[in-house]
Amino acid sequence: MLSIVSTPIGNLGDITDRAKITLTQCDAIVCEDTRVTGKLLSLLGFPKKELLSFHSFTGRKKVDEFIKRLTKGQHLVLVSDAGTPGISDPGYALVSAVRDAGITMEVIPGPSAFLAALSVSGLPINEFVYLGFLPLKRGRQKALENMRREMRTIVFYESPHRIRRTLQELADVLADQPMRMLVICRELTKMHEEVIGTTIGSITNDVLPKLMIKGEFCVVLGPI
């Protein structure tokens, strides 16, 4: 069986009882970065497990090895570096292959940074669009332009070394929508968690000069 397990996005106290049981009883853990997952297990005081690397450059041969283990009755767990597997990580490819092989799967839900950001944003989220990370080059301008017409709340991730550029681009592209709401979430669930509610028109003069460029960012843009 393959168990798809969500892990904390910062605060270790957010791990669920089901996740604890599954991570301690499984045969091996499939993860993006074995160092990150190994550190998590250590911090949680869990016994060491066999850690199997699975990332964006993992080939089909390795997937087949995992399938072989599963068909032999091994219990594997799929985790992300943080949060829910398959969201802005390559885990979906393994899940798809396991499903096609007819192998039993279960999901152990839990933390997700973009859902936490939506919850704390105070913006309407009966409908929303999740964009993952914006394109770095090709397609980036189009993605920004599409936000001009989007009537649903938009949520996306951004890295600390690109957050200033992205916010300034939003201010420029959406300059004719100065009162459109924007919520910038930083380091959610961690010691220095910060949630900044503002508007597009306030980005350049009020937000950027004071913005702390450390940690992980999640940006929520309100509908037009």
C-alpha atoms as a PDB file:
ATOM      1  CA  MET A   1       0.000   0.000   0.000  1.00  0.00           C
ATOM      2  CA  LEU A   2       1.025   3.590  -0.638  1.00  0.00           C
ATOM      3  CA  SER A   3       0.120   6.156   2.016  1.00  0.00           C
ATOM      4  CA  ILE A   4       0.138   9.808   0.957  1.00  0.00           C
ATOM      5  CA  VAL A   5       1.012  11.734   4.110  1.00  0.00           C
ATOM      6  CA  SER A   6       0.955  15.480   4.751  1.00  0.00           C
ATOM      7  CA  THR A   7       3.704  16.844   6.990  1.00  0.00           C
ATOM      8  CA  PRO A   8       4.060  20.155   8.903  1.00  0.00           C
ATOM      9  CA  ILE A   9       4.819  23.331   6.949  1.00  0.00           C
ATOM     10  CA  GLY A  10       6.678  24.783   9.927  1.00  0.00           C
ATOM     11  CA  ASN A  11       5.147  24.004  13.299  1.00  0.00           C
ATOM     12  CA  LEU A  12       5.866  20.395  14.282  1.00  0.00           C
ATOM     13  CA  GLY A  13       2.761  20.403  16.474  1.00  0.00           C
ATOM     14  CA  ASP A  14       0.602  20.357  13.343  1.00  0.00           C
ATOM     15  CA  ILE A  15       1.400  16.729  12.486  1.00  0.00           C
ATOM     16  CA  THR A  16      -1.652  14.485  12.910  1.00  0.00           C
ATOM     17  CA  ASP A  17      -1.891  11.298  14.951  1.00  0.00           C
ATOM     18  CA  ARG A  18      -2.575   9.304  11.785  1.00  0.00           C
ATOM     19  CA  ALA A  19       0.557  10.721  10.167  1.00  0.00           C
ATOM     20  CA  LYS A  20       2.632   9.792  13.222  1.00  0.00           C
ATOM     21  CA  ILE A  21       1.385   6.204  13.210  1.00  0.00           C
ATOM     22  CA  THR A  22       1.880   5.811   9.470  1.00  0.00           C
ATOM     23  CA  LEU A  23       5.397   7.273   9.430  1.00  0.00           C
ATOM     24  CA  THR A  24       6.524   5.023  12.271  1.00  0.00           C
ATOM     25  CA  GLN A  25       4.933   1.806  10.970  1.00  0.00           C
ATOM     26  CA  CYS A  26       5.764   1.993   7.237  1.00  0.00           C
ATOM     27  CA  ASP A  27       8.574   0.080   5.527  1.00  0.00           C
ATOM     28  CA  ALA A  28      10.089   3.073   3.711  1.00  0.00           C
ATOM     29  CA  ILE A  29       9.417   6.730   2.923  1.00  0.00           C
ATOM     30  CA  VAL A  30       9.476   8.235  -0.577  1.00  0.00           C
ATOM     31  CA  CYS A  31      10.504  11.891  -0.348  1.00  0.00           C
ATOM     32  CA  GLU A  32      11.785  14.853  -2.364  1.00  0.00           C
ATOM     33  CA  ASP A  33      14.913  15.462  -0.302  1.00  0.00           C
ATOM     34  CA  THR A  34      16.105  12.695   2.009  1.00  0.00           C
ATOM     35  CA  ARG A  35      17.991  15.241   4.134  1.00  0.00           C
ATOM     36  CA  VAL A  36      14.865  17.288   4.801  1.00  0.00           C
ATOM     37  CA  THR A  37      12.716  14.271   5.619  1.00  0.00           C
ATOM     38  CA  GLY A  38      15.468  12.713   7.717  1.00  0.00           C
ATOM     39  CA  LYS A  39      15.693  15.905   9.773  1.00  0.00           C
ATOM     40  CA  LEU A  40      11.905  15.947  10.225  1.00  0.00           C
ATOM     41  CA  LEU A  41      11.870  12.366  11.519  1.00  0.00           C
ATOM     42  CA  SER A  42      14.697  13.216  13.904  1.00  0.00           C
ATOM     43  CA  LEU A  43      12.964  16.337  15.251  1.00  0.00           C
ATOM     44  CA  LEU A  44       9.784  14.335  15.802  1.00  0.00           C
ATOM     45  CA  GLY A  45      11.723  11.644  17.620  1.00  0.00           C
ATOM     46  CA  PHE A  46      10.675   8.939  15.159  1.00  0.00           C
ATOM     47  CA  PRO A  47      12.804   5.862  14.441  1.00  0.00           C
ATOM     48  CA  LYS A  48      15.029   5.996  11.365  1.00  0.00           C
ATOM     49  CA  LYS A  49      13.452   4.726   8.158  1.00  0.00           C
ATOM     50  CA  GLU A  50      14.713   3.857   4.702  1.00  0.00           C
ATOM     51  CA  LEU A  51      14.383   7.078   2.705  1.00  0.00           C
ATOM     52  CA  LEU A  52      13.855   6.806  -1.058  1.00  0.00           C
ATOM     53  CA  SER A  53      14.513   9.914  -3.141  1.00  0.00           C
ATOM     54  CA  PHE A  54      11.836  10.977  -5.648  1.00  0.00           C
ATOM     55  CA  HIS A  55      12.137  14.358  -7.371  1.00  0.00           C
ATOM     56  CA  SER A  56      11.408  16.076 -10.680  1.00  0.00           C
ATOM     57  CA  PHE A  57      14.273  14.340 -12.445  1.00  0.00           C
ATOM     58  CA  THR A  58      13.395  10.844 -11.258  1.00  0.00           C
ATOM     59  CA  GLY A  59      13.034   8.513 -14.230  1.00  0.00           C
ATOM     60  CA  ARG A  60      10.493   5.808 -14.937  1.00  0.00           C
ATOM     61  CA  LYS A  61      12.957   3.122 -13.864  1.00  0.00           C
ATOM     62  CA  LYS A  62      12.839   4.316 -10.271  1.00  0.00           C
ATOM     63  CA  VAL A  63       9.055   4.535 -10.338  1.00  0.00           C
ATOM     64  CA  ASP A  64       8.966   0.916 -11.484  1.00  0.00           C
ATOM     65  CA  GLU A  65      11.193  -0.010  -8.538  1.00  0.00           C
ATOM     66  CA  PHE A  66       8.684   1.554  -6.165  1.00  0.00           C
ATOM     67  CA  ILE A  67       5.826  -0.274  -7.887  1.00  0.00           C
ATOM     68  CA  LYS A  68       7.725  -3.542  -7.503  1.00  0.00           C
ATOM     69  CA  ARG A  69       8.166  -2.938  -3.787  1.00  0.00           C
ATOM     70  CA  LEU A  70       4.469  -2.202  -3.405  1.00  0.00           C
ATOM     71  CA  THR A  71       3.362  -5.286  -5.325  1.00  0.00           C
ATOM     72  CA  LYS A  72       5.529  -7.364  -2.975  1.00  0.00           C
ATOM     73  CA  GLY A  73       3.466  -6.079  -0.074  1.00  0.00           C
ATOM     74  CA  GLN A  74       5.680  -3.313   1.248  1.00  0.00           C
ATOM     75  CA  HIS A  75       4.034  -0.290   2.838  1.00  0.00           C
ATOM     76  CA  LEU A  76       5.504   2.906   1.355  1.00  0.00           C
ATOM     77  CA  VAL A  77       4.762   6.454   2.425  1.00  0.00           C
ATOM     78  CA  LEU A  78       4.927   9.449   0.071  1.00  0.00           C
ATOM     79  CA  VAL A  79       5.742  12.819   1.630  1.00  0.00           C
ATOM     80  CA  SER A  80       6.661  16.282   0.389  1.00  0.00           C
ATOM     81  CA  ASP A  81       9.454  18.388   1.877  1.00  0.00           C
ATOM     82  CA  ALA A  82       6.645  20.215   3.693  1.00  0.00           C
ATOM     83  CA  GLY A  83       2.872  20.168   3.445  1.00  0.00           C
ATOM     84  CA  THR A  84       0.732  18.026   1.184  1.00  0.00           C
ATOM     85  CA  PRO A  85       2.337  15.755  -1.448  1.00  0.00           C
ATOM     86  CA  GLY A  86       1.508  16.471  -5.077  1.00  0.00           C
ATOM     87  CA  ILE A  87       1.072  20.220  -4.607  1.00  0.00           C
ATOM     88  CA  SER A  88       3.919  21.991  -6.408  1.00  0.00           C
ATOM     89  CA  ASP A  89       6.039  18.852  -6.167  1.00  0.00           C
ATOM     90  CA  PRO A  90       6.511  15.752  -8.375  1.00  0.00           C
ATOM     91  CA  GLY A  91       4.570  13.372  -6.121  1.00  0.00           C
ATOM     92  CA  TYR A  92       1.570  13.263  -8.462  1.00  0.00           C
ATOM     93  CA  ALA A  93       3.571  11.222 -10.992  1.00  0.00           C
ATOM     94  CA  LEU A  94       4.111   8.408  -8.506  1.00  0.00           C
ATOM     95  CA  VAL A  95       0.484   8.504  -7.370  1.00  0.00           C
ATOM     96  CA  SER A  96      -0.650   8.232 -10.996  1.00  0.00           C
ATOM     97  CA  ALA A  97       1.625   5.240 -11.635  1.00  0.00           C
ATOM     98  CA  VAL A  98       0.476   3.480  -8.463  1.00  0.00           C
ATOM     99  CA  ARG A  99      -3.162   4.034  -9.384  1.00  0.00           C
ATOM    100  CA  ASP A 100      -2.577   2.675 -12.892  1.00  0.00           C
ATOM    101  CA  ALA A 101      -0.958  -0.410 -11.355  1.00  0.00           C
ATOM    102  CA  GLY A 102      -4.102  -1.065  -9.337  1.00  0.00           C
ATOM    103  CA  ILE A 103      -2.304  -0.795  -5.991  1.00  0.00           C
ATOM    104  CA  THR A 104      -4.184   0.316  -2.884  1.00  0.00           C
ATOM    105  CA  MET A 105      -3.594   3.877  -1.720  1.00  0.00           C
ATOM    106  CA  GLU A 106      -4.728   5.951   1.230  1.00  0.00           C
ATOM    107  CA  VAL A 107      -4.431   9.643   1.982  1.00  0.00           C
ATOM    108  CA  ILE A 108      -3.514  11.100   5.376  1.00  0.00           C
ATOM    109  CA  PRO A 109      -4.476  14.777   4.975  1.00  0.00           C
ATOM    110  CA  GLY A 110      -2.969  17.645   6.909  1.00  0.00           C
ATOM    111  CA  PRO A 111      -1.136  20.960   6.492  1.00  0.00           C
ATOM    112  CA  SER A 112      -0.998  22.888   3.223  1.00  0.00           C
ATOM    113  CA  ALA A 113       0.546  26.356   3.017  1.00  0.00           C
ATOM    114  CA  PHE A 114      -1.732  27.763   0.331  1.00  0.00           C
ATOM    115  CA  LEU A 115      -4.884  26.586   2.133  1.00  0.00           C
ATOM    116  CA  ALA A 116      -3.612  28.152   5.352  1.00  0.00           C
ATOM    117  CA  ALA A 117      -2.985  31.403   3.458  1.00  0.00           C
ATOM    118  CA  LEU A 118      -6.479  31.377   1.990  1.00  0.00           C
ATOM    119  CA  SER A 119      -8.003  30.773   5.420  1.00  0.00           C
ATOM    120  CA  VAL A 120      -6.190  33.687   7.035  1.00  0.00           C
ATOM    121  CA  SER A 121      -6.592  36.058   4.069  1.00  0.00           C
ATOM    122  CA  GLY A 122     -10.129  37.162   4.835  1.00  0.00           C
ATOM    123  CA  LEU A 123     -10.837  37.114   1.096  1.00  0.00           C
ATOM    124  CA  PRO A 124     -13.736  35.207  -0.531  1.00  0.00           C
ATOM    125  CA  ILE A 125     -12.642  31.617  -1.176  1.00  0.00           C
ATOM    126  CA  ASN A 126     -15.835  29.856  -2.219  1.00  0.00           C
ATOM    127  CA  GLU A 127     -13.994  29.804  -5.558  1.00  0.00           C
ATOM    128  CA  PHE A 128     -10.267  30.303  -6.042  1.00  0.00           C
ATOM    129  CA  VAL A 129      -7.390  29.668  -8.461  1.00  0.00           C
ATOM    130  CA  TYR A 130      -4.135  28.086  -7.274  1.00  0.00           C
ATOM    131  CA  LEU A 131      -1.130  28.906  -9.488  1.00  0.00           C
ATOM    132  CA  GLY A 132       1.743  27.207  -7.664  1.00  0.00           C
ATOM    133  CA  PHE A 133       4.867  29.242  -8.479  1.00  0.00           C
ATOM    134  CA  LEU A 134       4.641  31.814 -11.287  1.00  0.00           C
ATOM    135  CA  PRO A 135       6.744  31.061 -14.393  1.00  0.00           C
ATOM    136  CA  LEU A 136      10.251  32.501 -14.204  1.00  0.00           C
ATOM    137  CA  LYS A 137      10.435  33.664 -17.824  1.00  0.00           C
ATOM    138  CA  ARG A 138       8.284  32.135 -20.545  1.00  0.00           C
ATOM    139  CA  GLY A 139       4.614  32.645 -19.767  1.00  0.00           C
ATOM    140  CA  ARG A 140       5.241  34.938 -16.810  1.00  0.00           C
ATOM    141  CA  GLN A 141       3.842  38.104 -18.377  1.00  0.00           C
ATOM    142  CA  LYS A 142       0.783  36.224 -19.602  1.00  0.00           C
ATOM    143  CA  ALA A 143       0.180  34.825 -16.125  1.00  0.00           C
ATOM    144  CA  LEU A 144       0.302  38.337 -14.689  1.00  0.00           C
ATOM    145  CA  GLU A 145      -1.966  39.727 -17.401  1.00  0.00           C
ATOM    146  CA  ASN A 146      -4.496  36.950 -16.766  1.00  0.00           C
ATOM    147  CA  MET A 147      -4.808  38.159 -13.186  1.00  0.00           C
ATOM    148  CA  ARG A 148      -6.287  41.412 -14.468  1.00  0.00           C
ATOM    149  CA  ARG A 149      -9.452  39.621 -15.557  1.00  0.00           C
ATOM    150  CA  GLU A 150      -9.694  36.893 -12.925  1.00  0.00           C
ATOM    151  CA  MET A 151     -12.945  37.122 -10.974  1.00  0.00           C
ATOM    152  CA  ARG A 152     -11.883  34.509  -8.413  1.00  0.00           C
ATOM    153  CA  THR A 153      -9.381  34.817  -5.601  1.00  0.00           C
ATOM    154  CA  ILE A 154      -5.860  33.843  -6.714  1.00  0.00           C
ATOM    155  CA  VAL A 155      -3.214  32.210  -4.532  1.00  0.00           C
ATOM    156  CA  PHE A 156       0.396  31.421  -5.401  1.00  0.00           C
ATOM    157  CA  TYR A 157       3.797  30.782  -3.838  1.00  0.00           C
ATOM    158  CA  GLU A 158       6.887  32.938  -4.221  1.00  0.00           C
ATOM    159  CA  SER A 159      10.485  32.601  -3.112  1.00  0.00           C
ATOM    160  CA  PRO A 160      12.162  35.239  -0.903  1.00  0.00           C
ATOM    161  CA  HIS A 161      14.624  36.288  -3.615  1.00  0.00           C
ATOM    162  CA  ARG A 162      11.807  36.970  -6.111  1.00  0.00           C
ATOM    163  CA  ILE A 163       9.047  38.348  -3.899  1.00  0.00           C
ATOM    164  CA  ARG A 164       9.993  42.030  -4.372  1.00  0.00           C
ATOM    165  CA  ARG A 165      10.113  41.666  -8.147  1.00  0.00           C
ATOM    166  CA  THR A 166       6.775  39.857  -8.228  1.00  0.00           C
ATOM    167  CA  LEU A 167       4.992  42.372  -6.021  1.00  0.00           C
ATOM    168  CA  GLN A 168       6.301  45.281  -8.102  1.00  0.00           C
ATOM    169  CA  GLU A 169       5.146  43.530 -11.270  1.00  0.00           C
ATOM    170  CA  LEU A 170       1.690  43.107  -9.741  1.00  0.00           C
ATOM    171  CA  ALA A 171       1.643  46.800  -8.872  1.00  0.00           C
ATOM    172  CA  ASP A 172       2.566  47.690 -12.462  1.00  0.00           C
ATOM    173  CA  VAL A 173       0.273  45.267 -14.293  1.00  0.00           C
ATOM    174  CA  LEU A 174      -2.715  45.968 -12.030  1.00  0.00           C
ATOM    175  CA  ALA A 175      -2.082  49.704 -11.702  1.00  0.00           C
ATOM    176  CA  ASP A 176      -5.616  50.475 -12.884  1.00  0.00           C
ATOM    177  CA  GLN A 177      -7.030  48.337 -10.019  1.00  0.00           C
ATOM    178  CA  PRO A 178      -5.461  50.178  -7.026  1.00  0.00           C
ATOM    179  CA  MET A 179      -8.094  49.091  -4.490  1.00  0.00           C
ATOM    180  CA  ARG A 180      -7.847  45.396  -5.310  1.00  0.00           C
ATOM    181  CA  MET A 181      -7.061  43.487  -2.129  1.00  0.00           C
ATOM    182  CA  LEU A 182      -3.802  41.621  -1.621  1.00  0.00           C
ATOM    183  CA  VAL A 183      -2.632  39.510   1.326  1.00  0.00           C
ATOM    184  CA  ILE A 184       1.040  38.568   1.708  1.00  0.00           C
ATOM    185  CA  CYS A 185       1.709  35.621   4.028  1.00  0.00           C
ATOM    186  CA  ARG A 186       5.208  34.885   5.282  1.00  0.00           C
ATOM    187  CA  GLU A 187       6.491  31.971   7.368  1.00  0.00           C
ATOM    188  CA  LEU A 188       3.023  30.572   8.107  1.00  0.00           C
ATOM    189  CA  THR A 189       2.831  28.485  11.321  1.00  0.00           C
ATOM    190  CA  LYS A 190       6.429  29.431  12.195  1.00  0.00           C
ATOM    191  CA  MET A 191       7.811  31.694  14.930  1.00  0.00           C
ATOM    192  CA  HIS A 192       7.991  34.773  12.689  1.00  0.00           C
ATOM    193  CA  GLU A 193       4.647  34.293  10.932  1.00  0.00           C
ATOM    194  CA  GLU A 194       3.447  37.479   9.289  1.00  0.00           C
ATOM    195  CA  VAL A 195       0.240  38.291   7.410  1.00  0.00           C
ATOM    196  CA  ILE A 196       0.085  41.624   5.588  1.00  0.00           C
ATOM    197  CA  GLY A 197      -3.254  42.813   4.253  1.00  0.00           C
ATOM    198  CA  THR A 198      -2.959  45.625   1.724  1.00  0.00           C
ATOM    199  CA  THR A 199      -4.050  46.841  -1.712  1.00  0.00           C
ATOM    200  CA  ILE A 200      -2.396  46.886  -5.110  1.00  0.00           C
ATOM    201  CA  GLY A 201      -2.076  50.668  -4.921  1.00  0.00           C
ATOM    202  CA  SER A 202      -0.134  50.466  -1.656  1.00  0.00           C
ATOM    203  CA  ILE A 203       2.546  47.996  -2.757  1.00  0.00           C
ATOM    204  CA  THR A 204       5.237  50.325  -4.056  1.00  0.00           C
ATOM    205  CA  ASN A 205       5.260  53.011  -1.356  1.00  0.00           C
ATOM    206  CA  ASP A 206       3.926  51.227   1.739  1.00  0.00           C
ATOM    207  CA  VAL A 207       4.652  47.493   1.465  1.00  0.00           C
ATOM    208  CA  LEU A 208       7.971  47.056  -0.338  1.00  0.00           C
ATOM    209  CA  PRO A 209      10.025  49.470   1.828  1.00  0.00           C
ATOM    210  CA  LYS A 210       9.076  47.533   5.002  1.00  0.00           C
ATOM    211  CA  LEU A 211       8.889  43.982   3.662  1.00  0.00           C
ATOM    212  CA  MET A 212      11.060  41.423   5.471  1.00  0.00           C
ATOM    213  CA  ILE A 213      12.703  39.284   2.784  1.00  0.00           C
ATOM    214  CA  LYS A 214      13.137  36.065   4.729  1.00  0.00           C
ATOM    215  CA  GLY A 215      11.279  32.771   4.719  1.00  0.00           C
ATOM    216  CA  GLU A 216       8.570  31.319   2.516  1.00  0.00           C
ATOM    217  CA  PHE A 217       5.886  33.499   0.938  1.00  0.00           C
ATOM    218  CA  CYS A 218       2.341  32.823  -0.169  1.00  0.00           C
ATOM    219  CA  VAL A 219       0.440  35.620  -1.923  1.00  0.00           C
ATOM    220  CA  VAL A 220      -3.350  35.870  -2.083  1.00  0.00           C
ATOM    221  CA  LEU A 221      -4.894  38.290  -4.593  1.00  0.00           C
ATOM    222  CA  GLY A 222      -8.543  39.177  -4.224  1.00  0.00           C
ATOM    223  CA  PRO A 223     -11.023  39.035  -7.121  1.00  0.00           C
ATOM    224  CA  ILE A 224     -11.757  42.052  -9.270  1.00  0.00           C
END
